Amino acid sequence: MQTARFEGWERDTEVAKDTESTWTNFFIAGDDPEDEYDICVIGEPDTEFPAHFDVTGIRNGKSVIFAEGRASSFEDACHLAEIEARRASIRPID
């Protein structure tokens, strides 16, 4: 089993073509495709404007939004999104 890790924040102009303010990260919690989570934050670093975040992944073969919300700043949105990705990765053992 691989160690859980974040890939790191990168500006991503492919996710939302109408904005340059989209940042993505990827959380890998295990070896299964259902242990991979996409994280998106719309906002700009070092500003005090609100930012939006969401965390998506796959459960039972279907795309699922595990969390979404707003935060008071870009940095807070990134932090909350990472927490939510970790929470989404907690699943009962079958």
Protein backbone atom coordinates (compact mmCIF):
# COMPACT_ATOMS: atom_id res chain seq x y z
CA MET A 1 0.00 0.00 0.00
CA GLN A 2 1.31 3.42 -0.89
CA THR A 3 1.54 6.31 1.55
CA ALA A 4 -1.29 8.85 1.47
CA ARG A 5 -0.13 12.06 -0.16
CA PHE A 6 -1.15 15.28 -1.85
CA GLU A 7 0.35 16.02 -5.26
CA GLY A 8 0.53 19.80 -4.67
CA TRP A 9 -1.40 22.86 -5.79
CA GLU A 10 -1.18 23.88 -9.45
CA ARG A 11 -2.98 26.54 -11.47
CA ASP A 12 -5.24 24.71 -13.92
CA THR A 13 -6.76 26.60 -16.85
CA GLU A 14 -8.36 23.42 -18.28
CA VAL A 15 -10.91 22.90 -15.47
CA ALA A 16 -12.77 26.19 -15.91
CA LYS A 17 -11.90 27.79 -19.21
CA ASP A 18 -13.47 31.12 -18.25
CA THR A 19 -11.14 31.80 -15.32
CA GLU A 20 -7.44 31.85 -14.55
CA SER A 21 -8.21 31.50 -10.84
CA THR A 22 -8.69 27.72 -10.73
CA TRP A 23 -6.22 25.63 -8.73
CA THR A 24 -6.21 21.85 -8.42
CA ASN A 25 -4.63 19.27 -6.19
CA PHE A 26 -4.85 15.49 -6.06
CA PHE A 27 -5.03 13.37 -2.90
CA ILE A 28 -4.05 9.71 -3.13
CA ALA A 29 -5.04 7.69 -0.06
CA GLY A 30 -4.37 4.16 -1.34
CA ASP A 31 -3.91 1.86 -4.32
CA ASP A 32 -7.51 1.65 -5.51
CA PRO A 33 -9.03 4.18 -7.95
CA GLU A 34 -11.63 4.89 -5.26
CA ASP A 35 -8.76 6.13 -3.05
CA GLU A 36 -8.05 9.08 -5.37
CA TYR A 37 -9.61 12.50 -4.82
CA ASP A 38 -9.63 15.56 -7.04
CA ILE A 39 -9.55 18.90 -5.25
CA CYS A 40 -10.42 22.21 -6.89
CA VAL A 41 -10.20 25.73 -5.46
CA ILE A 42 -11.36 28.82 -7.30
CA GLY A 43 -9.62 31.90 -5.92
CA GLU A 44 -6.28 33.68 -5.86
CA PRO A 45 -3.42 33.30 -3.38
CA ASP A 46 -2.55 36.23 -1.12
CA THR A 47 -5.94 37.90 -1.45
CA GLU A 48 -8.64 38.37 1.15
CA PHE A 49 -11.47 37.55 -1.25
CA PRO A 50 -13.69 34.50 -0.62
CA ALA A 51 -12.77 31.30 -2.45
CA HIS A 52 -14.75 28.21 -3.42
CA PHE A 53 -13.58 24.61 -3.02
CA ASP A 54 -14.79 21.12 -3.90
CA VAL A 55 -13.57 17.57 -3.44
CA THR A 56 -14.65 14.83 -5.85
CA GLY A 57 -13.87 11.15 -6.24
CA ILE A 58 -15.36 7.83 -7.23
CA ARG A 59 -17.59 5.52 -5.17
CA ASN A 60 -19.15 2.36 -6.56
CA GLY A 61 -18.08 3.37 -10.06
CA LYS A 62 -19.79 6.77 -9.95
CA SER A 63 -18.41 10.30 -9.58
CA VAL A 64 -19.27 11.77 -6.18
CA ILE A 65 -18.90 15.27 -4.74
CA PHE A 66 -17.68 14.67 -1.20
CA ALA A 67 -17.49 18.29 -0.13
CA GLU A 68 -17.92 21.79 -1.43
CA GLY A 69 -18.05 25.17 0.17
CA ARG A 70 -16.66 28.67 0.53
CA ALA A 71 -13.94 30.07 2.71
CA SER A 72 -12.87 33.60 3.58
CA SER A 73 -9.59 33.32 1.64
CA PHE A 74 -7.76 31.16 -0.88
CA GLU A 75 -5.47 29.74 1.79
CA ASP A 76 -8.41 28.82 4.03
CA ALA A 77 -10.19 27.17 1.09
CA CYS A 78 -7.10 25.07 0.30
CA HIS A 79 -6.78 24.03 3.93
CA LEU A 80 -10.47 23.11 4.26
CA ALA A 81 -10.40 21.19 0.95
CA GLU A 82 -7.42 19.12 2.13
CA ILE A 83 -9.22 18.31 5.39
CA GLU A 84 -12.34 17.28 3.48
CA ALA A 85 -10.30 15.07 1.13
CA ARG A 86 -8.81 13.28 4.13
CA ARG A 87 -12.30 12.87 5.61
CA ALA A 88 -13.63 11.47 2.33
CA SER A 89 -10.89 8.85 2.35
CA ILE A 90 -12.08 7.38 5.68
CA ARG A 91 -14.23 4.39 4.84
CA PRO A 92 -15.42 1.39 6.86
CA ILE A 93 -13.49 -1.81 6.34
CA ASP A 94 -15.57 -4.47 4.59
